Amino acid sequence: MMSIFPFMCAALVFVFSGCFGQAQVKPSEKPLDVVVTLVDAAALKSGGKIAFTPLKAGARTSADEQSDRVSLMIIKGIANRLAQARTSLIIAAPEDEPNLVFQGYIEELSQNGRLKRLVLRRGKGRLAISGEIWLSSTGAKVLTFAGDAHLGDFKDVFQAADALGDALGYEIAAQTR
């Protein structure tokens, strides 16, 4: 009877270490995915002032302090990239009568807790945005966009938001050339 006890203990340790070990989540092949659809190339290439409105919370996102901060990080990333790219777009406040207005939504902001990641083997979460740039004079769409970031590839949601804004700013700047 004594000879089976060490074997049973070793088996239990082996079984529980497999069940409660670190979840092996595959890193996504593309941590960021940004899609930009140009509707009116002439209006965007003509440049002028562009105003950014904070991204609003979508259907699957709660409007709280975290989503407000994520929104501002995305806008900061876009604005920084547009300034670096030296485009014909000038960043302006909404009260400065801009030619173009940026408006968007945070469609999804999901963060999986440690328990879900370990037990259900899910990733850290996802940040998804969508929106458009439109002419302030007519309300006509100039550009539509959608973006997606897998949070497992970033330190935190705010770093993912900044990277998503930077990628979106790069795509917008590329369309103005």
Protein backbone atom coordinates (compact mmCIF):
# COMPACT_ATOMS: atom_id res chain seq x y z
CA MET A 1 0.00 0.00 0.00
CA MET A 2 2.89 2.37 0.75
CA SER A 3 4.42 1.88 -2.69
CA ILE A 4 1.31 3.20 -4.51
CA PHE A 5 1.12 6.45 -2.52
CA PRO A 6 4.12 8.19 -4.16
CA PHE A 7 2.89 7.12 -7.58
CA MET A 8 -0.59 8.54 -6.87
CA CYS A 9 0.88 11.84 -5.64
CA ALA A 10 3.00 12.16 -8.75
CA ALA A 11 -0.01 11.42 -10.96
CA LEU A 12 -2.14 14.05 -9.17
CA VAL A 13 0.61 16.66 -9.50
CA PHE A 14 0.93 15.84 -13.20
CA VAL A 15 -2.84 16.07 -13.81
CA PHE A 16 -3.35 19.33 -11.89
CA SER A 17 -0.30 21.02 -13.39
CA GLY A 18 -1.80 20.42 -16.85
CA CYS A 19 -5.21 21.75 -15.83
CA PHE A 20 -4.08 24.87 -14.06
CA GLY A 21 -0.98 25.72 -16.06
CA GLN A 22 -0.53 28.85 -18.15
CA ALA A 23 -2.91 28.93 -21.09
CA GLN A 24 -1.14 28.65 -24.41
CA VAL A 25 -2.80 31.34 -26.51
CA LYS A 26 -1.40 31.65 -30.00
CA PRO A 27 -0.32 35.17 -30.84
CA SER A 28 -2.36 36.56 -33.68
CA GLU A 29 -0.63 36.81 -37.02
CA LYS A 30 -1.80 40.39 -37.43
CA PRO A 31 -2.13 42.24 -34.13
CA LEU A 32 -3.69 45.20 -35.97
CA ASP A 33 -6.10 45.22 -38.85
CA VAL A 34 -7.13 48.55 -40.38
CA VAL A 35 -9.37 48.90 -43.43
CA VAL A 36 -9.89 52.30 -45.07
CA THR A 37 -12.35 52.84 -47.90
CA LEU A 38 -11.97 56.05 -49.87
CA VAL A 39 -15.32 57.46 -51.03
CA ASP A 40 -14.35 60.92 -52.32
CA ALA A 41 -10.64 61.15 -53.14
CA ALA A 42 -10.76 64.74 -54.38
CA ALA A 43 -12.27 66.05 -51.15
CA LEU A 44 -9.65 64.31 -49.02
CA LYS A 45 -6.69 65.27 -51.21
CA SER A 46 -7.75 68.92 -51.26
CA GLY A 47 -6.86 68.97 -47.57
CA GLY A 48 -7.91 71.73 -45.24
CA LYS A 49 -8.86 71.62 -41.60
CA ILE A 50 -9.94 68.36 -39.98
CA ALA A 51 -11.66 68.18 -36.61
CA PHE A 52 -11.68 65.08 -34.44
CA THR A 53 -14.64 64.21 -32.27
CA PRO A 54 -14.11 61.63 -29.53
CA LEU A 55 -15.13 58.12 -30.49
CA LYS A 56 -18.49 57.17 -28.98
CA ALA A 57 -19.22 53.88 -27.28
CA GLY A 58 -20.92 51.41 -29.60
CA ALA A 59 -23.50 48.74 -28.86
CA ARG A 60 -21.09 46.28 -27.21
CA THR A 61 -19.12 48.86 -25.24
CA SER A 62 -19.98 50.68 -22.05
CA ALA A 63 -19.56 54.43 -21.96
CA ASP A 64 -17.17 54.85 -19.05
CA GLU A 65 -13.86 56.46 -18.18
CA GLN A 66 -11.87 53.65 -19.79
CA SER A 67 -13.64 53.96 -23.15
CA ASP A 68 -13.16 57.75 -23.03
CA ARG A 69 -9.44 57.31 -22.45
CA VAL A 70 -9.19 54.69 -25.21
CA SER A 71 -10.96 57.12 -27.55
CA LEU A 72 -8.49 59.88 -26.78
CA MET A 73 -5.52 57.52 -27.24
CA ILE A 74 -6.80 56.55 -30.70
CA ILE A 75 -7.24 60.20 -31.69
CA LYS A 76 -3.79 61.04 -30.31
CA GLY A 77 -2.27 58.25 -32.44
CA ILE A 78 -4.04 59.51 -35.58
CA ALA A 79 -3.10 63.14 -34.96
CA ASN A 80 0.55 62.29 -34.30
CA ARG A 81 0.80 60.23 -37.48
CA LEU A 82 -0.87 62.93 -39.60
CA ALA A 83 1.51 65.55 -38.18
CA GLN A 84 4.55 63.34 -38.92
CA ALA A 85 3.38 62.58 -42.45
CA ARG A 86 3.14 66.28 -43.34
CA THR A 87 -0.17 65.91 -45.13
CA SER A 88 -2.37 68.72 -46.43
CA LEU A 89 -4.68 68.13 -43.45
CA ILE A 90 -4.50 70.64 -40.62
CA ILE A 91 -5.79 69.49 -37.25
CA ALA A 92 -8.36 71.94 -35.91
CA ALA A 93 -10.93 72.21 -33.15
CA PRO A 94 -14.61 71.63 -34.02
CA GLU A 95 -15.39 75.32 -33.41
CA ASP A 96 -12.77 76.43 -36.00
CA GLU A 97 -15.11 75.60 -38.90
CA PRO A 98 -13.23 72.60 -40.30
CA ASN A 99 -13.64 71.26 -43.83
CA LEU A 100 -13.61 67.63 -42.66
CA VAL A 101 -14.93 65.96 -39.51
CA PHE A 102 -13.69 62.67 -38.08
CA GLN A 103 -16.38 60.67 -36.29
CA GLY A 104 -16.15 57.12 -35.00
CA TYR A 105 -17.35 54.44 -32.63
CA ILE A 106 -15.69 51.96 -30.33
CA GLU A 107 -17.58 48.89 -31.49
CA GLU A 108 -16.02 46.46 -29.05
CA LEU A 109 -13.78 46.76 -26.04
CA SER A 110 -13.55 43.37 -24.38
CA GLN A 111 -10.96 42.37 -21.87
CA ASN A 112 -10.95 38.77 -20.68
CA GLY A 113 -9.94 38.27 -17.07
CA ARG A 114 -7.20 35.94 -15.96
CA LEU A 115 -9.65 33.17 -15.06
CA LYS A 116 -11.22 33.17 -18.55
CA ARG A 117 -7.79 33.14 -20.15
CA LEU A 118 -6.58 30.23 -18.02
CA VAL A 119 -9.69 28.06 -17.89
CA LEU A 120 -11.40 28.83 -21.20
CA ARG A 121 -8.10 29.46 -23.03
CA ARG A 122 -9.20 32.74 -24.53
CA GLY A 123 -7.04 35.68 -25.54
CA LYS A 124 -6.76 38.93 -23.60
CA GLY A 125 -9.53 40.62 -25.55
CA ARG A 126 -10.27 42.81 -28.52
CA LEU A 127 -10.61 46.47 -29.45
CA ALA A 128 -12.66 47.24 -32.56
CA ILE A 129 -13.51 50.66 -34.02
CA SER A 130 -15.35 52.00 -37.05
CA GLY A 131 -16.32 55.39 -38.40
CA GLU A 132 -16.01 57.93 -41.14
CA ILE A 133 -14.63 61.26 -42.21
CA TRP A 134 -17.20 63.55 -43.80
CA LEU A 135 -17.42 67.02 -45.30
CA SER A 136 -18.76 69.50 -42.78
CA SER A 137 -20.39 71.65 -45.48
CA THR A 138 -22.50 68.92 -47.11
CA GLY A 139 -22.33 65.97 -44.73
CA ALA A 140 -21.10 63.73 -47.56
CA LYS A 141 -18.81 60.83 -46.62
CA VAL A 142 -15.24 61.19 -47.74
CA LEU A 143 -13.71 58.09 -46.13
CA THR A 144 -14.89 55.16 -44.01
CA PHE A 145 -12.69 53.06 -41.75
CA ALA A 146 -12.68 50.03 -39.51
CA GLY A 147 -9.95 48.83 -37.20
CA ASP A 148 -9.29 45.85 -34.97
CA ALA A 149 -6.60 45.15 -32.37
CA HIS A 150 -6.03 41.92 -30.45
CA LEU A 151 -5.11 42.93 -26.91
CA GLY A 152 -2.91 39.89 -26.30
CA ASP A 153 -0.24 41.45 -28.50
CA PHE A 154 0.03 44.63 -26.40
CA LYS A 155 0.98 45.58 -22.85
CA ASP A 156 -2.47 47.03 -22.15
CA VAL A 157 -5.58 48.37 -23.88
CA PHE A 158 -4.18 51.90 -24.04
CA GLN A 159 -1.05 50.81 -25.89
CA ALA A 160 -3.31 48.92 -28.32
CA ALA A 161 -5.46 52.03 -28.78
CA ASP A 162 -2.41 54.19 -29.53
CA ALA A 163 -1.08 51.63 -32.04
CA LEU A 164 -4.50 51.36 -33.68
CA GLY A 165 -4.71 55.16 -33.98
CA ASP A 166 -1.20 55.27 -35.42
CA ALA A 167 -2.05 52.63 -38.03
CA LEU A 168 -5.29 54.41 -38.93
CA GLY A 169 -3.44 57.74 -39.21
CA TYR A 170 -0.90 56.12 -41.52
CA GLU A 171 -3.70 54.83 -43.78
CA ILE A 172 -5.45 58.23 -43.84
CA ALA A 173 -2.16 59.98 -44.63
CA ALA A 174 -1.51 57.50 -47.45
CA GLN A 175 -4.90 58.38 -48.99
CA THR A 176 -4.11 62.11 -49.03
CA ARG A 177 -1.07 61.69 -51.27
